[in-house]
Amino acid sequence: MMADQDHGLPPATGSRGYDFIVVANRLPVDRVEGIDGELSWRRSPGGLVTAIAPVMQQSEGAWVGWHGATNENLTPFENDGIHLIPVPLVDDDLEEYYEGFSNSTLWPLYHDVIVPPEFHRTWWDSYKKVNKRFAEATAAIANTGATVWVQDYQLQLVPQMLRQARPDLRIGFFNHIPFPSPGIFSQLPWRRQILEGLAGADLVGFQRTADASNFLRSMRRYTNRSVKGTMAIPAPDSLGGSATSNICRAEAHPISIDTAQVATLSRDPEIIARSKQIRQELGNPETVLLGVDRLDYTKGLRHRLKAYGELLADGDLTVGEACLVQVASPSRENVERYAQLKDQVELMVGSLNGEHDTMGHTAVRYLHHSYPLREMIALYLAADIMLVTSLRDGMNLVAKEFVAAHTDGRGMLVLSEFTGAADQLTQAVLVNPHDIDGMKSGILRAVRMDPSEATKRMRRMRKHLQEHDVSKWSETFLTALALPLPVDTLV
């Protein structure tokens, strides 16, 4: 092992611990201030919490993560039946580990270098330091033989750190974003350390089979491990000689949504009434197109706006007949690339509206806000066409929420083939967002699709989501994690 992988974590203690632990960059709670100024915690929205909370409550599990504010040290606390173990971050950690290495090095690299990643040794040092802090907090509370499930790209060194300190643990890792091809991954100066960090897990889960394949190909090329099927196997001279010489499996376990919750909300009379109100506020156009994204360069917002603008310029769509509602949630606005994107998108929206708006109708209703789930469901119901045009996306749960919400059989999804969701929602109109003409054709195909065909397609996609919801995702991953290796693994 290299020197920087000798992490020196504390061994197991005799104190009471937990049998199931989730480790993620953020705790599953948000701090809220009451009218009287009193602070409290509420559970964060999101599929990950929904999927894992029942398992944690059954096993009295713990969640290790950052609570969202810097320069604070909080003691462990409980919220909604989940034991929460805060990991502190200071301002430098936020700048170098999170905004730096995680979101300006790994994020662009893992999303096919849509923008150039930055490689700074000080960021890498901070990433190692913070990963060690998370691993230490986890090792200190894990019962003997506990199951630990580490989440996402911010914590890729944690599995190996835990493996060295606690070889008794069953360790899983799930990568929520894409994993790049070996050629792109090779740019990372610390590629071997990242791969060995992930290989500390018994099972590494990915959104797509292609991501798992990319990981295994990189393992074969940049480490001394061999690959057999879905397994990355250490060199023979290390087997049995080190607590870190585990066999790591890599598999696709695509995440999903709480389909039943979304479907129930879509039948709520208040939400249905709100969806009708939204259409009225838009001037009752024949076709409402909807985009819902974080304001991120991976989401293809500029490509989408360009295609829509050309459809208006060509006369294939007209303002009044059609309206695009674009929700762009604020994201990482302290990072320069995101501030630039915000300016570019707002300039494009202003140009489109200036050229095509009428006194009674607007071309693009641009909303730079985040919205609660109930309002999002109303937006889904108000829309006829959902546009998901990501240039690269691990999954894209918005696409799945739109389909699940339309229990009325209406609507159609235009979906980038570069999303994980495209592997499951095959009845959508699939497009290549880099091909503007092809995307224009796909949008028009969705707009003009026979209602009976659209209903049939949406029904098939919704049936898939009912059978493969977020609870099924967590159950399938944890079942796979618990499986023993085949007896002939090393033969």
Protein backbone atom coordinates (compact mmCIF):
# COMPACT_ATOMS: atom_id res chain seq x y z
CA MET A 1 0.00 0.00 0.00
CA MET A 2 1.12 3.57 -0.64
CA ALA A 3 1.89 5.76 2.33
CA ASP A 4 -1.16 7.96 1.88
CA GLN A 5 -3.41 4.92 2.27
CA ASP A 6 -2.15 4.03 5.75
CA HIS A 7 -5.09 5.73 7.38
CA GLY A 8 -4.58 4.70 10.99
CA LEU A 9 -8.28 4.61 11.89
CA PRO A 10 -9.26 3.51 15.38
CA PRO A 11 -10.12 -0.16 15.86
CA ALA A 12 -13.54 -1.27 17.01
CA THR A 13 -14.44 -0.28 20.53
CA GLY A 14 -16.44 -2.27 23.01
CA SER A 15 -19.15 0.37 23.25
CA ARG A 16 -22.63 -0.03 21.83
CA GLY A 17 -22.77 0.63 18.12
CA TYR A 18 -25.00 0.12 15.10
CA ASP A 19 -25.59 -2.83 12.80
CA PHE A 20 -26.51 -0.73 9.74
CA ILE A 21 -24.83 2.56 8.87
CA VAL A 22 -25.29 4.89 5.90
CA VAL A 23 -22.42 7.26 5.14
CA ALA A 24 -23.17 10.22 2.89
CA ASN A 25 -21.86 13.73 2.38
CA ARG A 26 -25.05 15.17 3.89
CA LEU A 27 -27.26 14.11 6.75
CA PRO A 28 -30.88 13.45 5.71
CA VAL A 29 -32.19 16.50 7.58
CA ASP A 30 -32.44 20.24 7.07
CA ARG A 31 -32.29 22.77 9.88
CA VAL A 32 -35.33 25.02 10.04
CA GLU A 33 -36.04 28.09 12.14
CA GLY A 34 -39.46 28.50 13.70
CA ILE A 35 -41.45 31.72 14.03
CA ASP A 36 -40.08 32.16 17.54
CA GLY A 37 -36.51 31.68 16.31
CA GLU A 38 -36.22 28.18 17.71
CA LEU A 39 -34.16 25.80 15.57
CA SER A 40 -35.27 22.28 14.75
CA TRP A 41 -34.64 19.56 12.17
CA ARG A 42 -36.89 18.10 9.50
CA ARG A 43 -36.29 15.20 7.17
CA SER A 44 -34.92 16.20 3.76
CA PRO A 45 -36.96 15.31 0.69
CA GLY A 46 -35.43 12.86 -1.74
CA GLY A 47 -35.44 9.29 -2.90
CA LEU A 48 -32.35 8.16 -0.99
CA VAL A 49 -33.89 8.98 2.39
CA THR A 50 -37.20 7.42 1.36
CA ALA A 51 -35.47 4.22 0.28
CA ILE A 52 -33.21 3.75 3.26
CA ALA A 53 -35.23 5.15 6.17
CA PRO A 54 -37.37 2.00 6.68
CA VAL A 55 -34.24 -0.19 6.76
CA MET A 56 -32.60 2.14 9.27
CA GLN A 57 -35.65 2.24 11.50
CA GLN A 58 -35.95 -1.56 11.53
CA SER A 59 -32.28 -2.03 12.38
CA GLU A 60 -31.90 1.06 14.61
CA GLY A 61 -29.38 2.25 12.08
CA ALA A 62 -27.25 5.38 12.00
CA TRP A 63 -26.55 7.96 9.30
CA VAL A 64 -23.10 9.58 9.19
CA GLY A 65 -22.87 12.90 7.34
CA TRP A 66 -22.33 16.65 7.37
CA HIS A 67 -25.21 18.73 8.75
CA GLY A 68 -24.85 21.59 6.25
CA ALA A 69 -23.13 24.39 8.21
CA THR A 70 -19.41 24.99 8.63
CA ASN A 71 -17.38 25.61 11.79
CA GLU A 72 -19.86 23.80 14.06
CA ASN A 73 -19.41 20.63 16.09
CA LEU A 74 -22.70 18.93 16.87
CA THR A 75 -23.24 15.92 19.10
CA PRO A 76 -25.14 12.92 17.69
CA PHE A 77 -28.92 13.29 17.77
CA GLU A 78 -32.04 11.49 16.62
CA ASN A 79 -34.66 12.58 14.11
CA ASP A 80 -37.69 10.60 12.98
CA GLY A 81 -36.30 7.30 14.26
CA ILE A 82 -32.85 7.68 12.64
CA HIS A 83 -29.68 8.15 14.66
CA LEU A 84 -27.64 10.97 13.12
CA ILE A 85 -23.87 11.25 13.50
CA PRO A 86 -22.69 14.72 12.37
CA VAL A 87 -19.27 15.08 10.74
CA PRO A 88 -17.96 18.66 11.00
CA LEU A 89 -16.58 20.67 8.10
CA VAL A 90 -14.75 23.99 8.30
CA ASP A 91 -14.71 26.70 5.63
CA ASP A 92 -11.53 25.34 4.02
CA ASP A 93 -13.11 21.86 3.76
CA LEU A 94 -16.13 23.31 1.98
CA GLU A 95 -13.93 25.21 -0.46
CA GLU A 96 -11.34 22.51 -1.20
CA TYR A 97 -12.99 19.13 -0.52
CA TYR A 98 -16.54 19.95 -1.65
CA GLU A 99 -16.53 22.86 -4.11
CA GLY A 100 -12.99 22.02 -5.19
CA PHE A 101 -12.13 18.34 -5.58
CA SER A 102 -15.67 16.93 -5.51
CA ASN A 103 -17.39 19.45 -7.78
CA SER A 104 -14.61 21.01 -9.86
CA THR A 105 -12.43 17.91 -10.32
CA LEU A 106 -14.54 14.75 -10.03
CA TRP A 107 -17.93 16.06 -11.23
CA PRO A 108 -16.76 17.34 -14.64
CA LEU A 109 -14.38 14.39 -15.09
CA TYR A 110 -17.14 11.86 -14.38
CA HIS A 111 -19.51 13.69 -16.72
CA ASP A 112 -17.32 13.19 -19.79
CA VAL A 113 -15.37 16.46 -19.41
CA ILE A 114 -18.24 18.66 -20.60
CA VAL A 115 -16.16 21.37 -18.96
CA PRO A 116 -12.46 20.87 -18.14
CA PRO A 117 -11.77 19.47 -14.66
CA GLU A 118 -9.22 21.18 -12.45
CA PHE A 119 -6.47 19.20 -10.72
CA HIS A 120 -5.00 20.75 -7.57
CA ARG A 121 -2.93 18.87 -5.01
CA THR A 122 -4.28 20.96 -2.15
CA TRP A 123 -7.83 19.90 -3.11
CA TRP A 124 -6.74 16.26 -3.17
CA ASP A 125 -5.15 16.60 0.27
CA SER A 126 -8.40 18.05 1.61
CA TYR A 127 -10.42 15.26 -0.02
CA LYS A 128 -8.26 12.64 1.72
CA LYS A 129 -8.49 14.44 5.05
CA VAL A 130 -12.29 14.75 4.97
CA ASN A 131 -12.79 11.18 3.77
CA LYS A 132 -10.67 10.02 6.71
CA ARG A 133 -12.87 12.05 9.07
CA PHE A 134 -15.99 10.31 7.72
CA ALA A 135 -14.32 6.91 7.98
CA GLU A 136 -13.21 7.53 11.55
CA ALA A 137 -16.72 8.52 12.60
CA THR A 138 -18.11 5.36 10.99
CA ALA A 139 -15.50 2.95 12.37
CA ALA A 140 -16.11 4.25 15.88
CA ILE A 141 -19.85 3.40 15.90
CA ALA A 142 -20.05 0.18 13.86
CA ASN A 143 -20.89 -3.04 15.66
CA THR A 144 -18.86 -6.12 14.81
CA GLY A 145 -20.03 -7.41 11.42
CA ALA A 146 -22.13 -4.32 10.72
CA THR A 147 -23.26 -3.37 7.22
CA VAL A 148 -22.01 0.03 6.02
CA TRP A 149 -23.41 1.64 2.87
CA VAL A 150 -21.31 4.55 1.57
CA GLN A 151 -22.94 6.96 -0.88
CA ASP A 152 -21.50 8.79 -3.86
CA TYR A 153 -18.43 10.38 -5.35
CA GLN A 154 -17.55 12.69 -2.46
CA LEU A 155 -16.53 9.67 -0.32
CA GLN A 156 -14.72 7.28 -2.67
CA LEU A 157 -11.79 6.71 -0.28
CA VAL A 158 -13.97 5.71 2.67
CA PRO A 159 -14.48 2.01 1.74
CA GLN A 160 -10.75 1.21 1.74
CA MET A 161 -10.14 3.28 4.88
CA LEU A 162 -12.85 1.28 6.65
CA ARG A 163 -11.56 -2.00 5.23
CA GLN A 164 -8.13 -1.39 6.74
CA ALA A 165 -9.49 -0.41 10.13
CA ARG A 166 -12.48 -2.78 10.32
CA PRO A 167 -12.09 -5.89 8.14
CA ASP A 168 -15.11 -7.36 9.95
CA LEU A 169 -17.50 -4.94 8.23
CA ARG A 170 -19.67 -5.63 5.19
CA ILE A 171 -19.12 -2.54 3.03
CA GLY A 172 -21.19 -1.33 0.09
CA PHE A 173 -20.75 1.76 -2.07
CA PHE A 174 -23.18 3.35 -4.49
CA ASN A 175 -22.08 5.80 -7.18
CA HIS A 176 -25.03 8.05 -8.05
CA ILE A 177 -23.31 9.75 -10.99
CA PRO A 178 -21.76 8.22 -14.14
CA PHE A 179 -18.37 6.55 -14.07
CA PRO A 180 -16.16 7.63 -17.00
CA SER A 181 -14.40 5.49 -19.57
CA PRO A 182 -10.80 4.50 -18.76
CA GLY A 183 -9.50 6.99 -21.32
CA ILE A 184 -11.20 9.91 -19.57
CA PHE A 185 -10.55 8.57 -16.07
CA SER A 186 -6.85 8.31 -16.92
CA GLN A 187 -6.59 12.12 -16.70
CA LEU A 188 -7.02 12.00 -12.91
CA PRO A 189 -3.57 12.18 -11.26
CA TRP A 190 -4.91 10.16 -8.31
CA ARG A 191 -6.72 7.53 -10.37
CA ARG A 192 -5.12 4.53 -8.63
CA GLN A 193 -5.87 5.86 -5.14
CA ILE A 194 -9.53 6.45 -6.06
CA LEU A 195 -9.87 2.97 -7.55
CA GLU A 196 -8.25 1.31 -4.55
CA GLY A 197 -10.48 3.38 -2.29
CA LEU A 198 -13.59 2.06 -4.04
CA ALA A 199 -12.21 -1.48 -4.16
CA GLY A 200 -12.36 -1.59 -0.37
CA ALA A 201 -16.09 -2.20 -0.78
CA ASP A 202 -17.54 -5.70 -1.14
CA LEU A 203 -20.00 -4.32 -3.70
CA VAL A 204 -19.84 -1.11 -5.75
CA GLY A 205 -23.17 -0.20 -7.32
CA PHE A 206 -23.66 1.92 -10.44
CA GLN A 207 -26.64 3.34 -12.30
CA ARG A 208 -25.86 1.63 -15.62
CA THR A 209 -24.13 -1.52 -16.76
CA ALA A 210 -21.80 0.66 -18.85
CA ASP A 211 -20.67 2.49 -15.69
CA ALA A 212 -19.84 -0.78 -13.93
CA SER A 213 -17.95 -1.90 -17.04
CA ASN A 214 -15.97 1.37 -17.13
CA PHE A 215 -15.01 0.89 -13.48
CA LEU A 216 -13.84 -2.70 -14.01
CA ARG A 217 -11.86 -1.75 -17.13
CA SER A 218 -10.14 1.01 -15.16
CA MET A 219 -9.40 -1.44 -12.34
CA ARG A 220 -7.75 -3.79 -14.81
CA ARG A 221 -5.73 -1.01 -16.45
CA TYR A 222 -4.64 1.14 -13.51
CA THR A 223 -4.29 -1.27 -10.54
CA ASN A 224 -2.71 -4.66 -9.97
CA ARG A 225 -6.12 -6.32 -9.69
CA SER A 226 -7.43 -8.75 -12.24
CA VAL A 227 -11.03 -8.77 -13.40
CA LYS A 228 -13.17 -11.89 -13.58
CA GLY A 229 -16.76 -11.24 -14.63
CA THR A 230 -18.07 -8.59 -12.25
CA MET A 231 -15.24 -9.05 -9.74
CA ALA A 232 -12.00 -7.14 -9.23
CA ILE A 233 -9.57 -9.59 -7.60
CA PRO A 234 -6.32 -8.59 -5.84
CA ALA A 235 -2.98 -9.93 -7.00
CA PRO A 236 -2.41 -13.53 -5.78
CA ASP A 237 0.48 -12.59 -3.48
CA SER A 238 -1.81 -10.32 -1.43
CA LEU A 239 -4.71 -12.73 -0.96
CA GLY A 240 -5.05 -13.78 2.63
CA GLY A 241 -2.09 -11.66 3.66
CA SER A 242 -3.86 -8.38 4.32
CA ALA A 243 -7.16 -7.22 5.71
CA THR A 244 -7.46 -4.95 2.69
CA SER A 245 -7.20 -7.74 0.10
CA ASN A 246 -10.91 -8.14 -0.40
CA ILE A 247 -12.62 -9.09 -3.64
CA CYS A 248 -14.77 -6.24 -4.94
CA ARG A 249 -17.84 -6.77 -7.12
CA ALA A 250 -19.23 -4.09 -9.46
CA GLU A 251 -22.86 -4.24 -10.58
CA ALA A 252 -25.60 -2.03 -12.01
CA HIS A 253 -28.37 -1.21 -9.52
CA PRO A 254 -30.33 1.68 -11.07
CA ILE A 255 -32.00 3.92 -8.50
CA SER A 256 -35.67 4.85 -8.77
CA ILE A 257 -38.37 6.91 -7.04
CA ASP A 258 -41.19 6.45 -4.55
CA THR A 259 -43.67 5.67 -7.33
CA ALA A 260 -46.65 5.13 -5.03
CA GLN A 261 -46.15 8.47 -3.26
CA VAL A 262 -45.94 10.38 -6.55
CA ALA A 263 -49.03 8.60 -7.92
CA THR A 264 -50.99 9.33 -4.73
CA LEU A 265 -50.10 13.01 -4.84
CA SER A 266 -51.08 13.20 -8.51
CA ARG A 267 -54.65 12.27 -7.51
CA ASP A 268 -54.87 14.92 -4.78
CA PRO A 269 -57.74 17.31 -5.71
CA GLU A 270 -55.77 20.36 -4.51
CA ILE A 271 -52.77 19.45 -6.67
CA ILE A 272 -55.01 18.77 -9.68
CA ALA A 273 -56.67 22.16 -9.20
CA ARG A 274 -53.25 23.80 -8.94
CA SER A 275 -52.16 22.15 -12.22
CA LYS A 276 -55.19 23.65 -13.99
CA GLN A 277 -54.41 27.02 -12.46
CA ILE A 278 -50.85 26.83 -13.81
CA ARG A 279 -52.14 26.28 -17.35
CA GLN A 280 -54.49 29.23 -16.97
CA GLU A 281 -51.62 31.43 -15.75
CA LEU A 282 -49.71 30.45 -18.89
CA GLY A 283 -52.62 31.56 -21.08
CA ASN A 284 -53.99 28.04 -21.71
CA PRO A 285 -51.62 27.07 -24.53
CA GLU A 286 -52.35 23.89 -26.46
CA THR A 287 -49.00 22.38 -25.47
CA VAL A 288 -47.03 23.01 -22.28
CA LEU A 289 -43.46 21.82 -22.48
CA LEU A 290 -41.61 21.45 -19.18
CA GLY A 291 -37.97 21.27 -18.14
CA VAL A 292 -36.98 20.74 -14.50
CA ASP A 293 -33.27 20.73 -13.72
CA ARG A 294 -30.60 21.90 -11.40
CA LEU A 295 -28.79 24.77 -13.10
CA ASP A 296 -25.89 22.53 -14.12
CA TYR A 297 -23.90 22.32 -17.33
CA THR A 298 -24.56 18.57 -17.54
CA LYS A 299 -28.31 19.10 -18.01
CA GLY A 300 -28.22 20.42 -21.59
CA LEU A 301 -30.27 23.54 -20.91
CA ARG A 302 -28.58 25.58 -23.65
CA HIS A 303 -29.10 22.78 -26.19
CA ARG A 304 -32.77 22.54 -25.19
CA LEU A 305 -33.33 26.28 -25.48
CA LYS A 306 -31.59 26.35 -28.86
CA ALA A 307 -33.78 23.55 -30.22
CA TYR A 308 -36.96 25.16 -28.89
CA GLY A 309 -35.95 28.55 -30.26
CA GLU A 310 -35.37 27.10 -33.72
CA LEU A 311 -38.78 25.39 -33.64
CA LEU A 312 -40.33 28.80 -32.97
CA ALA A 313 -38.20 30.48 -35.65
CA ASP A 314 -39.10 27.77 -38.18
CA GLY A 315 -42.82 28.15 -37.43
CA ASP A 316 -43.17 24.51 -36.35
CA LEU A 317 -44.32 25.81 -32.96
CA THR A 318 -45.83 29.19 -32.21
CA VAL A 319 -46.10 31.18 -29.01
CA GLY A 320 -49.65 30.81 -27.74
CA GLU A 321 -49.87 27.34 -29.21
CA ALA A 322 -46.87 26.27 -27.11
CA CYS A 323 -45.06 27.48 -24.01
CA LEU A 324 -41.89 26.16 -22.41
CA VAL A 325 -41.74 26.26 -18.60
CA GLN A 326 -38.14 25.92 -17.45
CA VAL A 327 -37.48 25.36 -13.76
CA ALA A 328 -33.77 25.82 -13.06
CA SER A 329 -32.97 25.24 -9.39
CA PRO A 330 -29.99 27.21 -8.05
CA SER A 331 -26.86 25.07 -7.85
CA ARG A 332 -23.26 25.65 -6.73
CA GLU A 333 -23.43 29.34 -7.53
CA ASN A 334 -20.08 29.94 -5.81
CA VAL A 335 -18.40 27.84 -8.53
CA GLU A 336 -17.39 30.00 -11.52
CA ARG A 337 -18.62 27.58 -14.19
CA TYR A 338 -22.11 27.60 -12.68
CA ALA A 339 -22.24 31.39 -12.44
CA GLN A 340 -21.27 31.57 -16.12
CA LEU A 341 -23.96 29.05 -17.07
CA LYS A 342 -26.60 31.05 -15.17
CA ASP A 343 -25.69 34.16 -17.17
CA GLN A 344 -25.74 32.26 -20.48
CA VAL A 345 -29.13 30.62 -19.83
CA GLU A 346 -30.73 33.87 -18.71
CA LEU A 347 -29.37 35.62 -21.81
CA MET A 348 -30.85 32.92 -24.07
CA VAL A 349 -34.23 33.09 -22.30
CA GLY A 350 -34.30 36.87 -22.60
CA SER A 351 -33.43 36.71 -26.28
CA LEU A 352 -36.13 34.09 -27.03
CA ASN A 353 -38.80 36.02 -25.16
CA GLY A 354 -37.78 39.31 -26.73
CA GLU A 355 -38.05 37.82 -30.21
CA HIS A 356 -41.17 35.65 -29.85
CA ASP A 357 -43.36 36.92 -26.98
CA THR A 358 -46.77 38.40 -27.71
CA MET A 359 -48.87 40.68 -25.51
CA GLY A 360 -50.80 37.68 -24.22
CA HIS A 361 -48.28 34.85 -24.23
CA THR A 362 -44.66 34.14 -23.42
CA ALA A 363 -42.26 31.78 -25.16
CA VAL A 364 -40.35 30.68 -22.05
CA ARG A 365 -41.48 30.98 -18.45
CA TYR A 366 -38.14 30.79 -16.64
CA LEU A 367 -38.20 29.99 -12.91
CA HIS A 368 -34.90 30.14 -11.05
CA HIS A 369 -36.29 28.55 -7.88
CA SER A 370 -36.57 25.28 -6.03
CA TYR A 371 -40.09 24.00 -5.41
CA PRO A 372 -41.61 21.56 -2.89
CA LEU A 373 -42.79 18.18 -4.13
CA ARG A 374 -46.49 19.10 -4.21
CA GLU A 375 -45.81 22.04 -6.52
CA MET A 376 -43.59 19.87 -8.68
CA ILE A 377 -46.37 17.29 -9.08
CA ALA A 378 -48.73 20.11 -10.13
CA LEU A 379 -46.18 21.22 -12.74
CA TYR A 380 -45.87 17.66 -14.05
CA LEU A 381 -49.66 17.41 -14.38
CA ALA A 382 -49.87 20.81 -16.08
CA ALA A 383 -47.30 19.75 -18.69
CA ASP A 384 -47.95 17.82 -21.88
CA ILE A 385 -44.31 17.20 -22.80
CA MET A 386 -41.38 16.70 -20.42
CA LEU A 387 -37.96 17.62 -21.84
CA VAL A 388 -35.00 15.84 -20.25
CA THR A 389 -32.02 16.64 -22.47
CA SER A 390 -29.02 15.94 -20.23
CA LEU A 391 -25.64 15.71 -21.90
CA ARG A 392 -24.67 13.14 -19.26
CA ASP A 393 -26.68 12.00 -16.27
CA GLY A 394 -26.33 9.15 -13.81
CA MET A 395 -30.08 8.53 -13.73
CA ASN A 396 -32.38 11.62 -13.78
CA LEU A 397 -35.24 11.00 -11.38
CA VAL A 398 -37.28 13.94 -12.73
CA ALA A 399 -38.02 11.87 -15.83
CA LYS A 400 -39.33 9.06 -13.64
CA GLU A 401 -41.40 11.42 -11.48
CA PHE A 402 -43.10 12.90 -14.55
CA VAL A 403 -44.10 9.46 -15.82
CA ALA A 404 -45.30 8.30 -12.39
CA ALA A 405 -47.37 11.46 -11.90
CA HIS A 406 -49.37 10.98 -15.10
CA THR A 407 -51.81 8.37 -13.85
CA ASP A 408 -54.28 10.16 -16.15
CA GLY A 409 -52.54 8.57 -19.15
CA ARG A 410 -51.61 11.93 -20.66
CA GLY A 411 -48.21 13.31 -21.51
CA MET A 412 -45.04 12.24 -23.26
CA LEU A 413 -41.40 12.20 -22.24
CA VAL A 414 -38.57 13.40 -24.50
CA LEU A 415 -35.49 11.81 -22.96
CA SER A 416 -31.77 12.06 -23.63
CA GLU A 417 -30.15 8.73 -24.44
CA PHE A 418 -27.25 9.81 -22.21
CA THR A 419 -29.28 9.43 -19.02
CA GLY A 420 -29.48 6.30 -16.92
CA ALA A 421 -33.27 6.59 -17.15
CA ALA A 422 -33.07 5.89 -20.89
CA ASP A 423 -32.16 2.28 -20.10
CA GLN A 424 -35.50 1.76 -18.33
CA LEU A 425 -37.92 4.25 -19.91
CA THR A 426 -37.51 2.89 -23.40
CA GLN A 427 -40.99 3.99 -24.51
CA ALA A 428 -39.95 7.65 -24.26
CA VAL A 429 -38.92 9.63 -27.33
CA LEU A 430 -35.16 9.19 -27.08
CA VAL A 431 -32.93 11.96 -28.43
CA ASN A 432 -29.27 12.86 -28.74
CA PRO A 433 -29.09 16.40 -27.27
CA HIS A 434 -25.93 17.15 -29.26
CA ASP A 435 -27.99 16.71 -32.44
CA ILE A 436 -30.13 19.86 -32.47
CA ASP A 437 -32.04 18.86 -35.60
CA GLY A 438 -32.69 15.40 -34.16
CA MET A 439 -33.88 16.94 -30.89
CA LYS A 440 -36.23 19.27 -32.76
CA SER A 441 -37.68 16.26 -34.60
CA GLY A 442 -38.07 14.39 -31.31
CA ILE A 443 -39.91 17.28 -29.68
CA LEU A 444 -42.27 17.61 -32.64
CA ARG A 445 -42.83 13.87 -32.65
CA ALA A 446 -43.87 14.03 -28.98
CA VAL A 447 -46.09 17.09 -29.54
CA ARG A 448 -47.87 15.49 -32.52
CA MET A 449 -48.03 11.92 -31.22
CA ASP A 450 -51.42 10.25 -31.43
CA PRO A 451 -52.95 10.40 -27.91
CA SER A 452 -53.67 6.66 -27.88
CA GLU A 453 -50.04 5.85 -28.67
CA ALA A 454 -48.81 8.28 -26.02
CA THR A 455 -51.14 6.73 -23.45
CA LYS A 456 -49.89 3.24 -24.29
CA ARG A 457 -46.26 4.30 -23.98
CA MET A 458 -46.79 6.14 -20.70
CA ARG A 459 -48.69 3.17 -19.26
CA ARG A 460 -45.80 0.82 -20.05
CA MET A 461 -43.26 3.15 -18.49
CA ARG A 462 -45.41 3.67 -15.41
CA LYS A 463 -45.79 -0.11 -14.99
CA HIS A 464 -42.01 -0.44 -15.00
CA LEU A 465 -41.72 2.20 -12.27
CA GLN A 466 -44.35 0.46 -10.17
CA GLU A 467 -42.33 -2.76 -10.33
CA HIS A 468 -38.95 -1.05 -9.85
CA ASP A 469 -39.44 1.67 -7.25
CA VAL A 470 -36.89 3.09 -4.83
CA SER A 471 -37.66 0.53 -2.13
CA LYS A 472 -36.95 -2.23 -4.63
CA TRP A 473 -33.63 -0.52 -5.40
CA SER A 474 -32.41 -0.51 -1.80
CA GLU A 475 -33.71 -4.04 -1.19
CA THR A 476 -31.96 -5.38 -4.29
CA PHE A 477 -28.65 -3.67 -3.50
CA LEU A 478 -28.56 -4.76 0.14
CA THR A 479 -29.51 -8.32 -0.79
CA ALA A 480 -26.67 -8.42 -3.33
CA LEU A 481 -24.28 -6.96 -0.74
CA ALA A 482 -25.12 -9.74 1.70
CA LEU A 483 -24.45 -12.53 -0.81
CA PRO A 484 -21.28 -14.61 -0.22
CA LEU A 485 -18.72 -14.89 -2.99
CA PRO A 486 -18.93 -18.04 -5.17
CA VAL A 487 -16.71 -20.84 -3.88
CA ASP A 488 -14.87 -21.03 -7.22
CA THR A 489 -14.02 -17.31 -7.29
CA LEU A 490 -10.27 -17.88 -7.34
CA VAL A 491 -10.26 -20.98 -9.50
